[in-house]
Amino acid sequence: MAYTVIMHVANEDPFVAELEELPKPTDQVVIVTNPRRRDGKPLPYLDREAVQVYYPWNRITFMEVLAPQRARDEIVEFFRD
């Protein structure tokens, strides 16, 4: 199962990517696939054909793991009339 994450890398804008599995504490790098800006546009500092990028842990500030779409459909949101 792929996880969608928002990566926060030092000195860069956050971007969205997918992880095949969540990183383990012993991993030296995080491998992300399909990196893109939050609005879906390609990252300007990567080649357009890049589909997988390796980031060392010391560059990653933190990452947000997003809920799968099916879980988001089950969330009841509050609204006002």
PDB file of N, CA and C in Angstrom:
ATOM      1  N   MET A   1       0.848  -1.176   0.000  1.00  0.00           N
ATOM      2  CA  MET A   1       0.000   0.000   0.000  1.00  0.00           C
ATOM      3  C   MET A   1       0.889   1.233   0.000  1.00  0.00           C
ATOM      4  N   ALA A   2       0.666   2.139  -0.912  1.00  0.00           N
ATOM      5  CA  ALA A   2       1.437   3.374  -0.985  1.00  0.00           C
ATOM      6  C   ALA A   2       0.850   4.403  -0.024  1.00  0.00           C
ATOM      7  N   TYR A   3       1.728   5.165   0.585  1.00  0.00           N
ATOM      8  CA  TYR A   3       1.331   6.241   1.489  1.00  0.00           C
ATOM      9  C   TYR A   3       1.596   7.565   0.806  1.00  0.00           C
ATOM     10  N   THR A   4       0.642   8.479   0.871  1.00  0.00           N
ATOM     11  CA  THR A   4       0.852   9.826   0.370  1.00  0.00           C
ATOM     12  C   THR A   4       1.352  10.671   1.529  1.00  0.00           C
ATOM     13  N   VAL A   5       2.438  11.413   1.296  1.00  0.00           N
ATOM     14  CA  VAL A   5       3.042  12.213   2.354  1.00  0.00           C
ATOM     15  C   VAL A   5       3.308  13.623   1.850  1.00  0.00           C
ATOM     16  N   ILE A   6       3.363  14.546   2.790  1.00  0.00           N
ATOM     17  CA  ILE A   6       3.863  15.894   2.518  1.00  0.00           C
ATOM     18  C   ILE A   6       5.233  15.960   3.163  1.00  0.00           C
ATOM     19  N   MET A   7       6.253  16.132   2.334  1.00  0.00           N
ATOM     20  CA  MET A   7       7.634  16.165   2.803  1.00  0.00           C
ATOM     21  C   MET A   7       8.054  17.604   3.075  1.00  0.00           C
ATOM     22  N   HIS A   8       8.660  17.804   4.216  1.00  0.00           N
ATOM     23  CA  HIS A   8       9.216  19.109   4.585  1.00  0.00           C
ATOM     24  C   HIS A   8      10.732  18.934   4.637  1.00  0.00           C
ATOM     25  N   VAL A   9      11.403  19.423   3.599  1.00  0.00           N
ATOM     26  CA  VAL A   9      12.850  19.290   3.467  1.00  0.00           C
ATOM     27  C   VAL A   9      13.473  20.641   3.809  1.00  0.00           C
ATOM     28  N   ALA A  10      14.613  20.609   4.486  1.00  0.00           N
ATOM     29  CA  ALA A  10      15.282  21.839   4.896  1.00  0.00           C
ATOM     30  C   ALA A  10      15.535  22.758   3.699  1.00  0.00           C
ATOM     31  N   ASN A  11      15.196  24.028   3.868  1.00  0.00           N
ATOM     32  CA  ASN A  11      15.413  25.085   2.868  1.00  0.00           C
ATOM     33  C   ASN A  11      14.669  24.882   1.555  1.00  0.00           C
ATOM     34  N   GLU A  12      13.597  24.112   1.570  1.00  0.00           N
ATOM     35  CA  GLU A  12      12.773  23.898   0.378  1.00  0.00           C
ATOM     36  C   GLU A  12      11.304  24.040   0.761  1.00  0.00           C
ATOM     37  N   ASP A  13      10.454  24.302  -0.225  1.00  0.00           N
ATOM     38  CA  ASP A  13       9.014  24.317   0.014  1.00  0.00           C
ATOM     39  C   ASP A  13       8.525  22.887   0.188  1.00  0.00           C
ATOM     40  N   PRO A  14       7.483  22.678   1.001  1.00  0.00           N
ATOM     41  CA  PRO A  14       6.936  21.318   1.144  1.00  0.00           C
ATOM     42  C   PRO A  14       6.413  20.810  -0.199  1.00  0.00           C
ATOM     43  N   PHE A  15       6.474  19.497  -0.381  1.00  0.00           N
ATOM     44  CA  PHE A  15       5.966  18.890  -1.600  1.00  0.00           C
ATOM     45  C   PHE A  15       5.291  17.569  -1.266  1.00  0.00           C
ATOM     46  N   VAL A  16       4.479  17.087  -2.196  1.00  0.00           N
ATOM     47  CA  VAL A  16       3.727  15.849  -2.019  1.00  0.00           C
ATOM     48  C   VAL A  16       4.445  14.730  -2.764  1.00  0.00           C
ATOM     49  N   ALA A  17       4.421  13.538  -2.183  1.00  0.00           N
ATOM     50  CA  ALA A  17       5.021  12.362  -2.815  1.00  0.00           C
ATOM     51  C   ALA A  17       4.374  11.112  -2.242  1.00  0.00           C
ATOM     52  N   GLU A  18       4.751   9.969  -2.790  1.00  0.00           N
ATOM     53  CA  GLU A  18       4.267   8.692  -2.283  1.00  0.00           C
ATOM     54  C   GLU A  18       5.442   7.877  -1.742  1.00  0.00           C
ATOM     55  N   LEU A  19       5.152   7.084  -0.703  1.00  0.00           N
ATOM     56  CA  LEU A  19       6.106   6.134  -0.134  1.00  0.00           C
ATOM     57  C   LEU A  19       5.523   4.744  -0.284  1.00  0.00           C
ATOM     58  N   GLU A  20       6.333   3.778  -0.685  1.00  0.00           N
ATOM     59  CA  GLU A  20       5.862   2.394  -0.760  1.00  0.00           C
ATOM     60  C   GLU A  20       5.611   1.836   0.638  1.00  0.00           C
ATOM     61  N   GLU A  21       6.473   2.195   1.575  1.00  0.00           N
ATOM     62  CA  GLU A  21       6.310   1.792   2.969  1.00  0.00           C
ATOM     63  C   GLU A  21       6.878   2.893   3.845  1.00  0.00           C
ATOM     64  N   LEU A  22       6.410   2.959   5.075  1.00  0.00           N
ATOM     65  CA  LEU A  22       6.916   3.969   5.987  1.00  0.00           C
ATOM     66  C   LEU A  22       8.365   3.654   6.352  1.00  0.00           C
ATOM     67  N   PRO A  23       9.201   4.690   6.488  1.00  0.00           N
ATOM     68  CA  PRO A  23      10.610   4.436   6.786  1.00  0.00           C
ATOM     69  C   PRO A  23      10.804   3.816   8.170  1.00  0.00           C
ATOM     70  N   LYS A  24      11.837   3.015   8.277  1.00  0.00           N
ATOM     71  CA  LYS A  24      12.192   2.373   9.550  1.00  0.00           C
ATOM     72  C   LYS A  24      13.237   3.236  10.259  1.00  0.00           C
ATOM     73  N   PRO A  25      13.384   3.114  11.568  1.00  0.00           N
ATOM     74  CA  PRO A  25      14.387   3.904  12.286  1.00  0.00           C
ATOM     75  C   PRO A  25      15.823   3.638  11.816  1.00  0.00           C
ATOM     76  N   THR A  26      16.074   2.504  11.220  1.00  0.00           N
ATOM     77  CA  THR A  26      17.425   2.176  10.771  1.00  0.00           C
ATOM     78  C   THR A  26      17.730   2.663   9.356  1.00  0.00           C
ATOM     79  N   ASP A  27      16.755   3.176   8.630  1.00  0.00           N
ATOM     80  CA  ASP A  27      16.966   3.651   7.259  1.00  0.00           C
ATOM     81  C   ASP A  27      17.846   4.906   7.252  1.00  0.00           C
ATOM     82  N   GLN A  28      18.712   4.993   6.263  1.00  0.00           N
ATOM     83  CA  GLN A  28      19.587   6.157   6.093  1.00  0.00           C
ATOM     84  C   GLN A  28      18.973   7.185   5.149  1.00  0.00           C
ATOM     85  N   VAL A  29      18.120   6.727   4.238  1.00  0.00           N
ATOM     86  CA  VAL A  29      17.470   7.600   3.267  1.00  0.00           C
ATOM     87  C   VAL A  29      15.980   7.276   3.208  1.00  0.00           C
ATOM     88  N   VAL A  30      15.224   8.234   2.717  1.00  0.00           N
ATOM     89  CA  VAL A  30      13.797   8.027   2.461  1.00  0.00           C
ATOM     90  C   VAL A  30      13.612   8.076   0.949  1.00  0.00           C
ATOM     91  N   ILE A  31      12.990   7.045   0.409  1.00  0.00           N
ATOM     92  CA  ILE A  31      12.780   6.946  -1.035  1.00  0.00           C
ATOM     93  C   ILE A  31      11.346   7.348  -1.338  1.00  0.00           C
ATOM     94  N   VAL A  32      11.180   8.425  -2.098  1.00  0.00           N
ATOM     95  CA  VAL A  32       9.844   8.893  -2.465  1.00  0.00           C
ATOM     96  C   VAL A  32       9.655   8.727  -3.965  1.00  0.00           C
ATOM     97  N   THR A  33       8.424   8.485  -4.364  1.00  0.00           N
ATOM     98  CA  THR A  33       8.096   8.375  -5.781  1.00  0.00           C
ATOM     99  C   THR A  33       7.095   9.464  -6.143  1.00  0.00           C
ATOM    100  N   ASN A  34       7.104   9.836  -7.413  1.00  0.00           N
ATOM    101  CA  ASN A  34       6.181  10.821  -7.958  1.00  0.00           C
ATOM    102  C   ASN A  34       6.189  12.121  -7.164  1.00  0.00           C
ATOM    103  N   PRO A  35       7.347  12.745  -6.941  1.00  0.00           N
ATOM    104  CA  PRO A  35       7.377  14.019  -6.209  1.00  0.00           C
ATOM    105  C   PRO A  35       6.767  15.142  -7.038  1.00  0.00           C
ATOM    106  N   ARG A  36       5.998  15.991  -6.392  1.00  0.00           N
ATOM    107  CA  ARG A  36       5.348  17.113  -7.074  1.00  0.00           C
ATOM    108  C   ARG A  36       5.009  18.189  -6.059  1.00  0.00           C
ATOM    109  N   ARG A  37       4.761  19.402  -6.547  1.00  0.00           N
ATOM    110  CA  ARG A  37       4.352  20.476  -5.646  1.00  0.00           C
ATOM    111  C   ARG A  37       2.954  20.181  -5.126  1.00  0.00           C
ATOM    112  N   ARG A  38       2.560  20.890  -4.107  1.00  0.00           N
ATOM    113  CA  ARG A  38       1.250  20.633  -3.507  1.00  0.00           C
ATOM    114  C   ARG A  38       0.105  20.920  -4.474  1.00  0.00           C
ATOM    115  N   ASP A  39       0.332  21.764  -5.460  1.00  0.00           N
ATOM    116  CA  ASP A  39      -0.712  22.045  -6.449  1.00  0.00           C
ATOM    117  C   ASP A  39      -0.648  21.093  -7.647  1.00  0.00           C
ATOM    118  N   GLY A  40       0.244  20.094  -7.594  1.00  0.00           N
ATOM    119  CA  GLY A  40       0.334  19.091  -8.638  1.00  0.00           C
ATOM    120  C   GLY A  40       1.355  19.372  -9.722  1.00  0.00           C
ATOM    121  N   LYS A  41       1.946  20.563  -9.722  1.00  0.00           N
ATOM    122  CA  LYS A  41       2.943  20.914 -10.731  1.00  0.00           C
ATOM    123  C   LYS A  41       4.275  20.241 -10.405  1.00  0.00           C
ATOM    124  N   PRO A  42       5.136  20.055 -11.405  1.00  0.00           N
ATOM    125  CA  PRO A  42       6.435  19.412 -11.148  1.00  0.00           C
ATOM    126  C   PRO A  42       7.341  20.310 -10.303  1.00  0.00           C
ATOM    127  N   LEU A  43       8.255  19.683  -9.578  1.00  0.00           N
ATOM    128  CA  LEU A  43       9.227  20.430  -8.790  1.00  0.00           C
ATOM    129  C   LEU A  43      10.252  21.057  -9.728  1.00  0.00           C
ATOM    130  N   PRO A  44      10.558  22.356  -9.580  1.00  0.00           N
ATOM    131  CA  PRO A  44      11.442  23.027 -10.538  1.00  0.00           C
ATOM    132  C   PRO A  44      12.891  22.540 -10.499  1.00  0.00           C
ATOM    133  N   TYR A  45      13.336  21.959  -9.390  1.00  0.00           N
ATOM    134  CA  TYR A  45      14.724  21.537  -9.262  1.00  0.00           C
ATOM    135  C   TYR A  45      14.946  20.064  -9.616  1.00  0.00           C
ATOM    136  N   LEU A  46      13.903  19.378 -10.059  1.00  0.00           N
ATOM    137  CA  LEU A  46      14.027  17.987 -10.500  1.00  0.00           C
ATOM    138  C   LEU A  46      13.728  17.891 -11.990  1.00  0.00           C
ATOM    139  N   ASP A  47      14.323  16.918 -12.631  1.00  0.00           N
ATOM    140  CA  ASP A  47      14.028  16.648 -14.029  1.00  0.00           C
ATOM    141  C   ASP A  47      12.569  16.206 -14.151  1.00  0.00           C
ATOM    142  N   ARG A  48      11.917  16.592 -15.217  1.00  0.00           N
ATOM    143  CA  ARG A  48      10.502  16.245 -15.397  1.00  0.00           C
ATOM    144  C   ARG A  48      10.259  14.744 -15.433  1.00  0.00           C
ATOM    145  N   GLU A  49      11.249  13.973 -15.835  1.00  0.00           N
ATOM    146  CA  GLU A  49      11.082  12.529 -15.955  1.00  0.00           C
ATOM    147  C   GLU A  49      11.459  11.775 -14.685  1.00  0.00           C
ATOM    148  N   ALA A  50      11.891  12.474 -13.645  1.00  0.00           N
ATOM    149  CA  ALA A  50      12.257  11.810 -12.385  1.00  0.00           C
ATOM    150  C   ALA A  50      10.994  11.265 -11.717  1.00  0.00           C
ATOM    151  N   VAL A  51      11.027   9.991 -11.376  1.00  0.00           N
ATOM    152  CA  VAL A  51       9.875   9.371 -10.726  1.00  0.00           C
ATOM    153  C   VAL A  51      10.213   8.892  -9.314  1.00  0.00           C
ATOM    154  N   GLN A  52      11.506   8.864  -8.973  1.00  0.00           N
ATOM    155  CA  GLN A  52      11.913   8.404  -7.655  1.00  0.00           C
ATOM    156  C   GLN A  52      13.094   9.244  -7.194  1.00  0.00           C
ATOM    157  N   VAL A  53      13.045   9.691  -5.928  1.00  0.00           N
ATOM    158  CA  VAL A  53      14.102  10.529  -5.377  1.00  0.00           C
ATOM    159  C   VAL A  53      14.482   9.989  -4.003  1.00  0.00           C
ATOM    160  N   TYR A  54      15.778   9.974  -3.700  1.00  0.00           N
ATOM    161  CA  TYR A  54      16.298   9.534  -2.410  1.00  0.00           C
ATOM    162  C   TYR A  54      16.681  10.770  -1.607  1.00  0.00           C
ATOM    163  N   TYR A  55      16.123  10.924  -0.419  1.00  0.00           N
ATOM    164  CA  TYR A  55      16.456  12.035   0.460  1.00  0.00           C
ATOM    165  C   TYR A  55      17.113  11.494   1.725  1.00  0.00           C
ATOM    166  N   PRO A  56      18.286  12.019   2.101  1.00  0.00           N
ATOM    167  CA  PRO A  56      18.897  11.589   3.361  1.00  0.00           C
ATOM    168  C   PRO A  56      18.114  12.162   4.545  1.00  0.00           C
ATOM    169  N   TRP A  57      18.081  11.421   5.623  1.00  0.00           N
ATOM    170  CA  TRP A  57      17.310  11.839   6.799  1.00  0.00           C
ATOM    171  C   TRP A  57      17.734  13.198   7.325  1.00  0.00           C
ATOM    172  N   ASN A  58      19.024  13.546   7.216  1.00  0.00           N
ATOM    173  CA  ASN A  58      19.458  14.816   7.784  1.00  0.00           C
ATOM    174  C   ASN A  58      18.899  16.022   7.038  1.00  0.00           C
ATOM    175  N   ARG A  59      18.347  15.840   5.845  1.00  0.00           N
ATOM    176  CA  ARG A  59      17.710  16.930   5.096  1.00  0.00           C
ATOM    177  C   ARG A  59      16.220  17.070   5.398  1.00  0.00           C
ATOM    178  N   ILE A  60      15.616  16.032   5.966  1.00  0.00           N
ATOM    179  CA  ILE A  60      14.175  16.025   6.201  1.00  0.00           C
ATOM    180  C   ILE A  60      13.881  16.623   7.573  1.00  0.00           C
ATOM    181  N   THR A  61      13.072  17.684   7.588  1.00  0.00           N
ATOM    182  CA  THR A  61      12.657  18.283   8.851  1.00  0.00           C
ATOM    183  C   THR A  61      11.571  17.417   9.473  1.00  0.00           C
ATOM    184  N   PHE A  62      10.510  17.148   8.710  1.00  0.00           N
ATOM    185  CA  PHE A  62       9.460  16.216   9.124  1.00  0.00           C
ATOM    186  C   PHE A  62       8.626  15.872   7.911  1.00  0.00           C
ATOM    187  N   MET A  63       7.774  14.858   8.052  1.00  0.00           N
ATOM    188  CA  MET A  63       6.859  14.497   6.973  1.00  0.00           C
ATOM    189  C   MET A  63       5.485  14.216   7.555  1.00  0.00           C
ATOM    190  N   GLU A  64       4.473  14.580   6.796  1.00  0.00           N
ATOM    191  CA  GLU A  64       3.085  14.354   7.188  1.00  0.00           C
ATOM    192  C   GLU A  64       2.540  13.195   6.361  1.00  0.00           C
ATOM    193  N   VAL A  65       2.003  12.196   7.023  1.00  0.00           N
ATOM    194  CA  VAL A  65       1.403  11.055   6.331  1.00  0.00           C
ATOM    195  C   VAL A  65      -0.093  11.326   6.228  1.00  0.00           C
ATOM    196  N   LEU A  66      -0.600  11.375   5.016  1.00  0.00           N
ATOM    197  CA  LEU A  66      -2.014  11.677   4.787  1.00  0.00           C
ATOM    198  C   LEU A  66      -2.846  10.401   4.828  1.00  0.00           C
ATOM    199  N   ALA A  67      -4.080  10.538   5.256  1.00  0.00           N
ATOM    200  CA  ALA A  67      -4.994   9.401   5.306  1.00  0.00           C
ATOM    201  C   ALA A  67      -5.345   8.973   3.886  1.00  0.00           C
ATOM    202  N   PRO A  68      -5.556   7.668   3.670  1.00  0.00           N
ATOM    203  CA  PRO A  68      -5.988   7.224   2.340  1.00  0.00           C
ATOM    204  C   PRO A  68      -7.338   7.827   1.977  1.00  0.00           C
ATOM    205  N   GLN A  69      -7.630   7.917   0.695  1.00  0.00           N
ATOM    206  CA  GLN A  69      -8.876   8.542   0.234  1.00  0.00           C
ATOM    207  C   GLN A  69     -10.093   7.860   0.833  1.00  0.00           C
ATOM    208  N   ARG A  70     -10.083   6.543   0.942  1.00  0.00           N
ATOM    209  CA  ARG A  70     -11.258   5.853   1.485  1.00  0.00           C
ATOM    210  C   ARG A  70     -11.487   6.225   2.947  1.00  0.00           C
ATOM    211  N   ALA A  71     -10.425   6.477   3.699  1.00  0.00           N
ATOM    212  CA  ALA A  71     -10.577   6.897   5.092  1.00  0.00           C
ATOM    213  C   ALA A  71     -11.094   8.334   5.164  1.00  0.00           C
ATOM    214  N   ARG A  72     -10.658   9.184   4.214  1.00  0.00           N
ATOM    215  CA  ARG A  72     -11.137  10.569   4.191  1.00  0.00           C
ATOM    216  C   ARG A  72     -12.620  10.635   3.872  1.00  0.00           C
ATOM    217  N   ASP A  73     -13.126   9.681   3.066  1.00  0.00           N
ATOM    218  CA  ASP A  73     -14.545   9.665   2.721  1.00  0.00           C
ATOM    219  C   ASP A  73     -15.413   9.345   3.933  1.00  0.00           C
ATOM    220  N   GLU A  74     -14.856   8.639   4.918  1.00  0.00           N
ATOM    221  CA  GLU A  74     -15.612   8.253   6.103  1.00  0.00           C
ATOM    222  C   GLU A  74     -15.634   9.325   7.188  1.00  0.00           C
ATOM    223  N   ILE A  75     -14.796  10.355   7.051  1.00  0.00           N
ATOM    224  CA  ILE A  75     -14.718  11.396   8.061  1.00  0.00           C
ATOM    225  C   ILE A  75     -15.945  12.301   7.944  1.00  0.00           C
ATOM    226  N   VAL A  76     -16.595  12.538   9.072  1.00  0.00           N
ATOM    227  CA  VAL A  76     -17.747  13.438   9.102  1.00  0.00           C
ATOM    228  C   VAL A  76     -17.228  14.830   9.446  1.00  0.00           C
ATOM    229  N   GLU A  77     -17.454  15.761   8.546  1.00  0.00           N
ATOM    230  CA  GLU A  77     -17.005  17.127   8.776  1.00  0.00           C
ATOM    231  C   GLU A  77     -18.186  17.966   9.253  1.00  0.00           C
ATOM    232  N   PHE A  78     -17.884  18.920  10.096  1.00  0.00           N
ATOM    233  CA  PHE A  78     -18.921  19.807  10.608  1.00  0.00           C
ATOM    234  C   PHE A  78     -19.151  20.941   9.606  1.00  0.00           C
ATOM    235  N   PHE A  79     -20.373  21.369   9.514  1.00  0.00           N
ATOM    236  CA  PHE A  79     -20.691  22.468   8.625  1.00  0.00           C
ATOM    237  C   PHE A  79     -21.820  23.266   9.224  1.00  0.00           C
ATOM    238  N   ARG A  80     -21.959  24.492   8.752  1.00  0.00           N
ATOM    239  CA  ARG A  80     -23.019  25.380   9.226  1.00  0.00           C
ATOM    240  C   ARG A  80     -24.015  25.640   8.117  1.00  0.00           C
ATOM    241  N   ASP A  81     -25.268  25.769   8.487  1.00  0.00           N
ATOM    242  CA  ASP A  81     -26.305  26.116   7.512  1.00  0.00           C
ATOM    243  C   ASP A  81     -26.379  27.602   7.333  1.00  0.00           C
TER     244      ASP A  81
END
